[in-house]
Amino acid sequence: PGSPEIYCNISNVLLDQSQIPEAIRECEKALAINSEFADA
């Protein structure tokens, strides 16, 4: 739990499917855990 990398990977899948608002939410989760996570 709380892995920014996993949230970032979920955002990748959502971006692949053009689910933009959902992808943004996953990035926000990743950045809430690690605000310096460049991939997010």
All heavy atoms as atom14 arrays in JSON, in Angstrom:
{
  "sequence": "PGSPEIYCNISNVLLDQSQIPEAIRECEKALAINSEFADA",
  "atom14_mask": [
    [1, 1, 1, 1, 1, 1, 1, 0, 0, 0, 0, 0, 0, 0],
    [1, 1, 1, 1, 0, 0, 0, 0, 0, 0, 0, 0, 0, 0],
    [1, 1, 1, 1, 1, 1, 0, 0, 0, 0, 0, 0, 0, 0],
    [1, 1, 1, 1, 1, 1, 1, 0, 0, 0, 0, 0, 0, 0],
    [1, 1, 1, 1, 1, 1, 1, 1, 1, 0, 0, 0, 0, 0],
    [1, 1, 1, 1, 1, 1, 1, 1, 0, 0, 0, 0, 0, 0],
    [1, 1, 1, 1, 1, 1, 1, 1, 1, 1, 1, 1, 0, 0],
    [1, 1, 1, 1, 1, 1, 0, 0, 0, 0, 0, 0, 0, 0],
    [1, 1, 1, 1, 1, 1, 1, 1, 0, 0, 0, 0, 0, 0],
    [1, 1, 1, 1, 1, 1, 1, 1, 0, 0, 0, 0, 0, 0],
    [1, 1, 1, 1, 1, 1, 0, 0, 0, 0, 0, 0, 0, 0],
    [1, 1, 1, 1, 1, 1, 1, 1, 0, 0, 0, 0, 0, 0],
    [1, 1, 1, 1, 1, 1, 1, 0, 0, 0, 0, 0, 0, 0],
    [1, 1, 1, 1, 1, 1, 1, 1, 0, 0, 0, 0, 0, 0],
    [1, 1, 1, 1, 1, 1, 1, 1, 0, 0, 0, 0, 0, 0],
    [1, 1, 1, 1, 1, 1, 1, 1, 0, 0, 0, 0, 0, 0],
    [1, 1, 1, 1, 1, 1, 1, 1, 1, 0, 0, 0, 0, 0],
    [1, 1, 1, 1, 1, 1, 0, 0, 0, 0, 0, 0, 0, 0],
    [1, 1, 1, 1, 1, 1, 1, 1, 1, 0, 0, 0, 0, 0],
    [1, 1, 1, 1, 1, 1, 1, 1, 0, 0, 0, 0, 0, 0],
    [1, 1, 1, 1, 1, 1, 1, 0, 0, 0, 0, 0, 0, 0],
    [1, 1, 1, 1, 1, 1, 1, 1, 1, 0, 0, 0, 0, 0],
    [1, 1, 1, 1, 1, 0, 0, 0, 0, 0, 0, 0, 0, 0],
    [1, 1, 1, 1, 1, 1, 1, 1, 0, 0, 0, 0, 0, 0],
    [1, 1, 1, 1, 1, 1, 1, 1, 1, 1, 1, 0, 0, 0],
    [1, 1, 1, 1, 1, 1, 1, 1, 1, 0, 0, 0, 0, 0],
    [1, 1, 1, 1, 1, 1, 0, 0, 0, 0, 0, 0, 0, 0],
    [1, 1, 1, 1, 1, 1, 1, 1, 1, 0, 0, 0, 0, 0],
    [1, 1, 1, 1, 1, 1, 1, 1, 1, 0, 0, 0, 0, 0],
    [1, 1, 1, 1, 1, 0, 0, 0, 0, 0, 0, 0, 0, 0],
    [1, 1, 1, 1, 1, 1, 1, 1, 0, 0, 0, 0, 0, 0],
    [1, 1, 1, 1, 1, 0, 0, 0, 0, 0, 0, 0, 0, 0],
    [1, 1, 1, 1, 1, 1, 1, 1, 0, 0, 0, 0, 0, 0],
    [1, 1, 1, 1, 1, 1, 1, 1, 0, 0, 0, 0, 0, 0],
    [1, 1, 1, 1, 1, 1, 0, 0, 0, 0, 0, 0, 0, 0],
    [1, 1, 1, 1, 1, 1, 1, 1, 1, 0, 0, 0, 0, 0],
    [1, 1, 1, 1, 1, 1, 1, 1, 1, 1, 1, 0, 0, 0],
    [1, 1, 1, 1, 1, 0, 0, 0, 0, 0, 0, 0, 0, 0],
    [1, 1, 1, 1, 1, 1, 1, 1, 0, 0, 0, 0, 0, 0],
    [1, 1, 1, 1, 1, 0, 0, 0, 0, 0, 0, 0, 0, 0]
  ],
  "atom14_positions": [
    [[0.83, -1.21, 0.0], [0.0, 0.0, 0.0], [0.87, 1.26, 0.0], [1.95, 1.28, 0.58], [-0.8, -0.1, 1.31], [-0.55, -1.44, 1.85], [0.66, -2.01, 1.19], [0.0, 0.0, 0.0], [0.0, 0.0, 0.0], [0.0, 0.0, 0.0], [0.0, 0.0, 0.0], [0.0, 0.0, 0.0], [0.0, 0.0, 0.0], [0.0, 0.0, 0.0]],
    [[0.38, 2.27, -0.65], [1.11, 3.53, -0.64], [2.29, 3.58, -1.57], [3.18, 4.41, -1.4], [0.0, 0.0, 0.0], [0.0, 0.0, 0.0], [0.0, 0.0, 0.0], [0.0, 0.0, 0.0], [0.0, 0.0, 0.0], [0.0, 0.0, 0.0], [0.0, 0.0, 0.0], [0.0, 0.0, 0.0], [0.0, 0.0, 0.0], [0.0, 0.0, 0.0]],
    [[2.34, 2.72, -2.57], [3.45, 2.74, -3.53], [3.14, 3.73, -4.66], [2.23, 3.5, -5.45], [3.67, 1.35, -4.12], [4.52, 1.42, -5.23], [0.0, 0.0, 0.0], [0.0, 0.0, 0.0], [0.0, 0.0, 0.0], [0.0, 0.0, 0.0], [0.0, 0.0, 0.0], [0.0, 0.0, 0.0], [0.0, 0.0, 0.0], [0.0, 0.0, 0.0]],
    [[3.9, 4.81, -4.76], [3.64, 5.76, -5.85], [3.86, 5.13, -7.23], [3.18, 5.49, -8.19], [4.63, 6.9, -5.6], [5.67, 6.34, -4.7], [5.02, 5.23, -3.93], [0.0, 0.0, 0.0], [0.0, 0.0, 0.0], [0.0, 0.0, 0.0], [0.0, 0.0, 0.0], [0.0, 0.0, 0.0], [0.0, 0.0, 0.0], [0.0, 0.0, 0.0]],
    [[4.78, 4.17, -7.32], [5.04, 3.52, -8.6], [3.81, 2.77, -9.11], [3.52, 2.77, -10.31], [6.22, 2.54, -8.48], [7.56, 3.21, -8.25], [7.84, 3.52, -6.77], [7.0, 3.17, -5.9], [8.88, 4.14, -6.5], [0.0, 0.0, 0.0], [0.0, 0.0, 0.0], [0.0, 0.0, 0.0], [0.0, 0.0, 0.0], [0.0, 0.0, 0.0]],
    [[3.1, 2.15, -8.2], [1.91, 1.39, -8.61], [0.82, 2.33, -9.09], [0.2, 2.11, -10.14], [1.42, 0.47, -7.48], [2.51, -0.55, -7.12], [0.13, -0.25, -7.89], [2.24, -1.37, -5.85], [0.0, 0.0, 0.0], [0.0, 0.0, 0.0], [0.0, 0.0, 0.0], [0.0, 0.0, 0.0], [0.0, 0.0, 0.0], [0.0, 0.0, 0.0]],
    [[0.6, 3.42, -8.35], [-0.39, 4.41, -8.81], [0.0, 4.98, -10.17], [-0.85, 5.21, -11.03], [-0.55, 5.54, -7.79], [-1.25, 5.13, -6.53], [-0.59, 5.16, -5.31], [-2.58, 4.71, -6.55], [-1.23, 4.78, -4.14], [-3.23, 4.32, -5.39], [-2.55, 4.36, -4.18], [-3.19, 3.99, -3.03], [0.0, 0.0, 0.0], [0.0, 0.0, 0.0]],
    [[1.28, 5.18, -10.37], [1.77, 5.7, -11.64], [1.51, 4.7, -12.77], [1.09, 5.08, -13.87], [3.25, 6.03, -11.53], [3.88, 7.01, -12.9], [0.0, 0.0, 0.0], [0.0, 0.0, 0.0], [0.0, 0.0, 0.0], [0.0, 0.0, 0.0], [0.0, 0.0, 0.0], [0.0, 0.0, 0.0], [0.0, 0.0, 0.0], [0.0, 0.0, 0.0]],
    [[1.72, 3.42, -12.49], [1.44, 2.39, -13.5], [-0.05, 2.34, -13.83], [-0.43, 2.16, -14.99], [1.94, 1.03, -13.03], [3.41, 0.85, -13.27], [4.08, 1.7, -13.83], [3.94, -0.26, -12.83], [0.0, 0.0, 0.0], [0.0, 0.0, 0.0], [0.0, 0.0, 0.0], [0.0, 0.0, 0.0], [0.0, 0.0, 0.0], [0.0, 0.0, 0.0]],
    [[-0.89, 2.49, -12.82], [-2.33, 2.54, -13.07], [-2.65, 3.74, -13.97], [-3.43, 3.63, -14.92], [-3.13, 2.59, -11.76], [-2.95, 1.27, -10.99], [-4.6, 2.87, -12.02], [-3.51, 1.29, -9.57], [0.0, 0.0, 0.0], [0.0, 0.0, 0.0], [0.0, 0.0, 0.0], [0.0, 0.0, 0.0], [0.0, 0.0, 0.0], [0.0, 0.0, 0.0]],
    [[-2.02, 4.87, -13.7], [-2.26, 6.05, -14.53], [-1.84, 5.81, -15.97], [-2.48, 6.29, -16.91], [-1.58, 7.3, -13.95], [-0.19, 7.29, -14.16], [0.0, 0.0, 0.0], [0.0, 0.0, 0.0], [0.0, 0.0, 0.0], [0.0, 0.0, 0.0], [0.0, 0.0, 0.0], [0.0, 0.0, 0.0], [0.0, 0.0, 0.0], [0.0, 0.0, 0.0]],
    [[-0.76, 5.04, -16.18], [-0.34, 4.7, -17.54], [-1.44, 3.96, -18.3], [-1.73, 4.27, -19.46], [0.92, 3.82, -17.53], [2.18, 4.61, -17.31], [2.31, 5.74, -17.74], [3.12, 4.0, -16.61], [0.0, 0.0, 0.0], [0.0, 0.0, 0.0], [0.0, 0.0, 0.0], [0.0, 0.0, 0.0], [0.0, 0.0, 0.0], [0.0, 0.0, 0.0]],
    [[-2.03, 2.97, -17.64], [-3.09, 2.19, -18.28], [-4.29, 3.09, -18.59], [-4.88, 3.0, -19.67], [-3.52, 1.0, -17.39], [-4.72, 0.28, -17.98], [-2.37, 0.04, -17.2], [0.0, 0.0, 0.0], [0.0, 0.0, 0.0], [0.0, 0.0, 0.0], [0.0, 0.0, 0.0], [0.0, 0.0, 0.0], [0.0, 0.0, 0.0], [0.0, 0.0, 0.0]],
    [[-4.62, 3.96, -17.66], [-5.75, 4.87, -17.89], [-5.45, 5.84, -19.03], [-6.33, 6.13, -19.84], [-6.09, 5.6, -16.59], [-6.6, 4.67, -15.46], [-6.62, 5.41, -14.14], [-7.96, 4.09, -15.8], [0.0, 0.0, 0.0], [0.0, 0.0, 0.0], [0.0, 0.0, 0.0], [0.0, 0.0, 0.0], [0.0, 0.0, 0.0], [0.0, 0.0, 0.0]],
    [[-4.22, 6.32, -19.11], [-3.83, 7.18, -20.23], [-3.92, 6.42, -21.54], [-4.39, 6.97, -22.55], [-2.41, 7.71, -20.04], [-2.21, 8.83, -19.03], [-0.74, 9.07, -18.78], [-2.9, 10.1, -19.49], [0.0, 0.0, 0.0], [0.0, 0.0, 0.0], [0.0, 0.0, 0.0], [0.0, 0.0, 0.0], [0.0, 0.0, 0.0], [0.0, 0.0, 0.0]],
    [[-3.5, 5.16, -21.54], [-3.59, 4.33, -22.74], [-5.03, 4.25, -23.25], [-5.26, 4.07, -24.44], [-3.09, 2.91, -22.47], [-1.59, 2.83, -22.22], [-0.86, 3.77, -22.58], [-1.15, 1.8, -21.67], [0.0, 0.0, 0.0], [0.0, 0.0, 0.0], [0.0, 0.0, 0.0], [0.0, 0.0, 0.0], [0.0, 0.0, 0.0], [0.0, 0.0, 0.0]],
    [[-5.98, 4.33, -22.33], [-7.39, 4.2, -22.68], [-8.1, 5.56, -22.77], [-9.32, 5.61, -22.85], [-8.1, 3.34, -21.63], [-7.53, 1.94, -21.56], [-8.19, 1.16, -20.44], [-9.21, 0.52, -20.67], [-7.63, 1.25, -19.25], [0.0, 0.0, 0.0], [0.0, 0.0, 0.0], [0.0, 0.0, 0.0], [0.0, 0.0, 0.0], [0.0, 0.0, 0.0]],
    [[-7.32, 6.63, -22.74], [-7.85, 8.0, -22.8], [-8.83, 8.31, -21.67], [-9.75, 9.1, -21.84], [-8.49, 8.29, -24.16], [-7.54, 8.16, -25.18], [0.0, 0.0, 0.0], [0.0, 0.0, 0.0], [0.0, 0.0, 0.0], [0.0, 0.0, 0.0], [0.0, 0.0, 0.0], [0.0, 0.0, 0.0], [0.0, 0.0, 0.0], [0.0, 0.0, 0.0]],
    [[-8.61, 7.7, -20.53], [-9.41, 7.99, -19.34], [-8.64, 9.04, -18.53], [-8.05, 8.76, -17.49], [-9.66, 6.72, -18.54], [-10.5, 5.71, -19.27], [-10.71, 4.43, -18.47], [-10.6, 4.42, -17.25], [-11.01, 3.36, -19.17], [0.0, 0.0, 0.0], [0.0, 0.0, 0.0], [0.0, 0.0, 0.0], [0.0, 0.0, 0.0], [0.0, 0.0, 0.0]],
    [[-8.66, 10.26, -19.05], [-7.79, 11.33, -18.56], [-8.08, 11.74, -17.11], [-7.16, 11.79, -16.29], [-7.83, 12.54, -19.52], [-7.49, 12.11, -20.95], [-6.9, 13.64, -19.04], [-6.18, 11.39, -21.14], [0.0, 0.0, 0.0], [0.0, 0.0, 0.0], [0.0, 0.0, 0.0], [0.0, 0.0, 0.0], [0.0, 0.0, 0.0], [0.0, 0.0, 0.0]],
    [[-9.33, 12.05, -16.75], [-9.57, 12.46, -15.36], [-9.15, 11.37, -14.35], [-8.57, 11.67, -13.3], [-11.08, 12.71, -15.29], [-11.48, 12.98, -16.71], [-10.56, 12.14, -17.55], [0.0, 0.0, 0.0], [0.0, 0.0, 0.0], [0.0, 0.0, 0.0], [0.0, 0.0, 0.0], [0.0, 0.0, 0.0], [0.0, 0.0, 0.0], [0.0, 0.0, 0.0]],
    [[-9.41, 10.12, -14.71], [-9.03, 9.01, -13.83], [-7.51, 8.9, -13.73], [-6.96, 8.65, -12.64], [-9.62, 7.7, -14.34], [-11.13, 7.64, -14.32], [-11.81, 8.24, -15.57], [-11.1, 8.86, -16.41], [-13.03, 8.09, -15.69], [0.0, 0.0, 0.0], [0.0, 0.0, 0.0], [0.0, 0.0, 0.0], [0.0, 0.0, 0.0], [0.0, 0.0, 0.0]],
    [[-6.81, 9.1, -14.84], [-5.34, 9.05, -14.83], [-4.79, 10.16, -13.95], [-3.83, 9.94, -13.18], [-4.8, 9.17, -16.26], [0.0, 0.0, 0.0], [0.0, 0.0, 0.0], [0.0, 0.0, 0.0], [0.0, 0.0, 0.0], [0.0, 0.0, 0.0], [0.0, 0.0, 0.0], [0.0, 0.0, 0.0], [0.0, 0.0, 0.0], [0.0, 0.0, 0.0]],
    [[-5.38, 11.33, -14.04], [-4.93, 12.47, -13.2], [-5.1, 12.12, -11.73], [-4.21, 12.38, -10.91], [-5.68, 13.75, -13.59], [-5.2, 14.24, -14.96], [-5.49, 14.84, -12.52], [-6.0, 15.39, -15.55], [0.0, 0.0, 0.0], [0.0, 0.0, 0.0], [0.0, 0.0, 0.0], [0.0, 0.0, 0.0], [0.0, 0.0, 0.0], [0.0, 0.0, 0.0]],
    [[-6.22, 11.52, -11.38], [-6.45, 11.14, -9.97], [-5.38, 10.17, -9.48], [-4.89, 10.28, -8.35], [-7.84, 10.55, -9.78], [-8.93, 11.6, -9.65], [-10.23, 11.03, -9.13], [-10.88, 10.11, -10.05], [-11.63, 10.47, -11.08], [-11.85, 11.75, -11.32], [-12.19, 9.57, -11.86], [0.0, 0.0, 0.0], [0.0, 0.0, 0.0], [0.0, 0.0, 0.0]],
    [[-4.98, 9.21, -10.32], [-3.94, 8.26, -9.91], [-2.59, 8.97, -9.76], [-1.82, 8.65, -8.85], [-3.84, 7.11, -10.91], [-5.09, 6.25, -10.98], [-5.49, 5.61, -9.66], [-4.61, 5.09, -8.94], [-6.69, 5.62, -9.34], [0.0, 0.0, 0.0], [0.0, 0.0, 0.0], [0.0, 0.0, 0.0], [0.0, 0.0, 0.0], [0.0, 0.0, 0.0]],
    [[-2.3, 9.92, -10.62], [-1.06, 10.7, -10.5], [-1.08, 11.5, -9.2], [-0.05, 11.59, -8.51], [-0.9, 11.65, -11.69], [-0.56, 10.84, -13.25], [0.0, 0.0, 0.0], [0.0, 0.0, 0.0], [0.0, 0.0, 0.0], [0.0, 0.0, 0.0], [0.0, 0.0, 0.0], [0.0, 0.0, 0.0], [0.0, 0.0, 0.0], [0.0, 0.0, 0.0]],
    [[-2.23, 12.07, -8.89], [-2.35, 12.83, -7.64], [-2.09, 11.94, -6.43], [-1.46, 12.37, -5.46], [-3.73, 13.5, -7.56], [-3.87, 14.65, -8.52], [-5.3, 15.17, -8.67], [-6.27, 14.45, -8.28], [-5.47, 16.29, -9.2], [0.0, 0.0, 0.0], [0.0, 0.0, 0.0], [0.0, 0.0, 0.0], [0.0, 0.0, 0.0], [0.0, 0.0, 0.0]],
    [[-2.58, 10.69, -6.48], [-2.31, 9.76, -5.38], [-0.82, 9.5, -5.25], [-0.26, 9.49, -4.15], [-3.05, 8.44, -5.61], [-4.55, 8.53, -5.48], [-5.2, 7.18, -5.83], [-6.69, 7.27, -5.91], [-7.29, 5.96, -6.34], [0.0, 0.0, 0.0], [0.0, 0.0, 0.0], [0.0, 0.0, 0.0], [0.0, 0.0, 0.0], [0.0, 0.0, 0.0]],
    [[-0.16, 9.28, -6.39], [1.29, 9.02, -6.37], [2.04, 10.23, -5.83], [2.95, 10.09, -5.0], [1.78, 8.68, -7.77], [0.0, 0.0, 0.0], [0.0, 0.0, 0.0], [0.0, 0.0, 0.0], [0.0, 0.0, 0.0], [0.0, 0.0, 0.0], [0.0, 0.0, 0.0], [0.0, 0.0, 0.0], [0.0, 0.0, 0.0], [0.0, 0.0, 0.0]],
    [[1.66, 11.42, -6.26], [2.36, 12.63, -5.84], [2.06, 13.0, -4.39], [2.88, 13.65, -3.74], [2.04, 13.78, -6.79], [2.59, 13.6, -8.2], [2.03, 14.64, -9.15], [4.11, 13.61, -8.19], [0.0, 0.0, 0.0], [0.0, 0.0, 0.0], [0.0, 0.0, 0.0], [0.0, 0.0, 0.0], [0.0, 0.0, 0.0], [0.0, 0.0, 0.0]],
    [[0.91, 12.58, -3.88], [0.61, 12.8, -2.46], [1.57, 11.99, -1.58], [1.91, 12.39, -0.47], [-0.84, 12.43, -2.16], [0.0, 0.0, 0.0], [0.0, 0.0, 0.0], [0.0, 0.0, 0.0], [0.0, 0.0, 0.0], [0.0, 0.0, 0.0], [0.0, 0.0, 0.0], [0.0, 0.0, 0.0], [0.0, 0.0, 0.0], [0.0, 0.0, 0.0]],
    [[2.03, 10.87, -2.11], [2.97, 10.01, -1.38], [4.4, 10.5, -1.57], [5.19, 10.54, -0.63], [2.84, 8.55, -1.85], [1.43, 8.03, -1.52], [3.91, 7.66, -1.23], [1.05, 6.78, -2.29], [0.0, 0.0, 0.0], [0.0, 0.0, 0.0], [0.0, 0.0, 0.0], [0.0, 0.0, 0.0], [0.0, 0.0, 0.0], [0.0, 0.0, 0.0]],
    [[4.74, 10.86, -2.8], [6.1, 11.33, -3.12], [5.99, 12.48, -4.11], [5.84, 12.27, -5.32], [6.94, 10.2, -3.7], [8.34, 10.64, -4.08], [8.69, 11.81, -3.97], [9.16, 9.7, -4.53], [0.0, 0.0, 0.0], [0.0, 0.0, 0.0], [0.0, 0.0, 0.0], [0.0, 0.0, 0.0], [0.0, 0.0, 0.0], [0.0, 0.0, 0.0]],
    [[6.06, 13.69, -3.6], [5.86, 14.89, -4.44], [6.97, 15.09, -5.46], [6.83, 15.89, -6.38], [5.74, 16.13, -3.56], [6.95, 16.35, -2.85], [0.0, 0.0, 0.0], [0.0, 0.0, 0.0], [0.0, 0.0, 0.0], [0.0, 0.0, 0.0], [0.0, 0.0, 0.0], [0.0, 0.0, 0.0], [0.0, 0.0, 0.0], [0.0, 0.0, 0.0]],
    [[8.07, 14.35, -5.33], [9.2, 14.46, -6.26], [9.25, 13.31, -7.26], [10.26, 13.15, -7.96], [10.51, 14.51, -5.47], [10.61, 15.71, -4.54], [10.64, 17.03, -5.28], [11.45, 17.18, -6.21], [9.83, 17.92, -4.93], [0.0, 0.0, 0.0], [0.0, 0.0, 0.0], [0.0, 0.0, 0.0], [0.0, 0.0, 0.0], [0.0, 0.0, 0.0]],
    [[8.2, 12.52, -7.34], [8.2, 11.35, -8.22], [7.99, 11.82, -9.66], [6.88, 12.1, -10.1], [7.13, 10.36, -7.77], [7.15, 9.05, -8.5], [8.34, 8.42, -8.84], [5.97, 8.43, -8.84], [8.36, 7.21, -9.51], [5.97, 7.2, -9.51], [7.17, 6.61, -9.85], [0.0, 0.0, 0.0], [0.0, 0.0, 0.0], [0.0, 0.0, 0.0]],
    [[9.09, 11.88, -10.4], [9.09, 12.48, -11.74], [8.18, 11.74, -12.72], [7.54, 12.37, -13.57], [10.52, 12.53, -12.28], [0.0, 0.0, 0.0], [0.0, 0.0, 0.0], [0.0, 0.0, 0.0], [0.0, 0.0, 0.0], [0.0, 0.0, 0.0], [0.0, 0.0, 0.0], [0.0, 0.0, 0.0], [0.0, 0.0, 0.0], [0.0, 0.0, 0.0]],
    [[8.11, 10.42, -12.62], [7.26, 9.67, -13.55], [5.79, 10.06, -13.41], [5.06, 10.14, -14.4], [7.43, 8.16, -13.35], [8.79, 7.66, -13.81], [9.64, 8.47, -14.22], [9.0, 6.43, -13.76], [0.0, 0.0, 0.0], [0.0, 0.0, 0.0], [0.0, 0.0, 0.0], [0.0, 0.0, 0.0], [0.0, 0.0, 0.0], [0.0, 0.0, 0.0]],
    [[5.36, 10.32, -12.18], [3.97, 10.75, -11.96], [3.76, 12.16, -12.49], [2.71, 12.47, -13.06], [3.62, 10.66, -10.48], [0.0, 0.0, 0.0], [0.0, 0.0, 0.0], [0.0, 0.0, 0.0], [0.0, 0.0, 0.0], [0.0, 0.0, 0.0], [0.0, 0.0, 0.0], [0.0, 0.0, 0.0], [0.0, 0.0, 0.0], [0.0, 0.0, 0.0]]
  ]
}
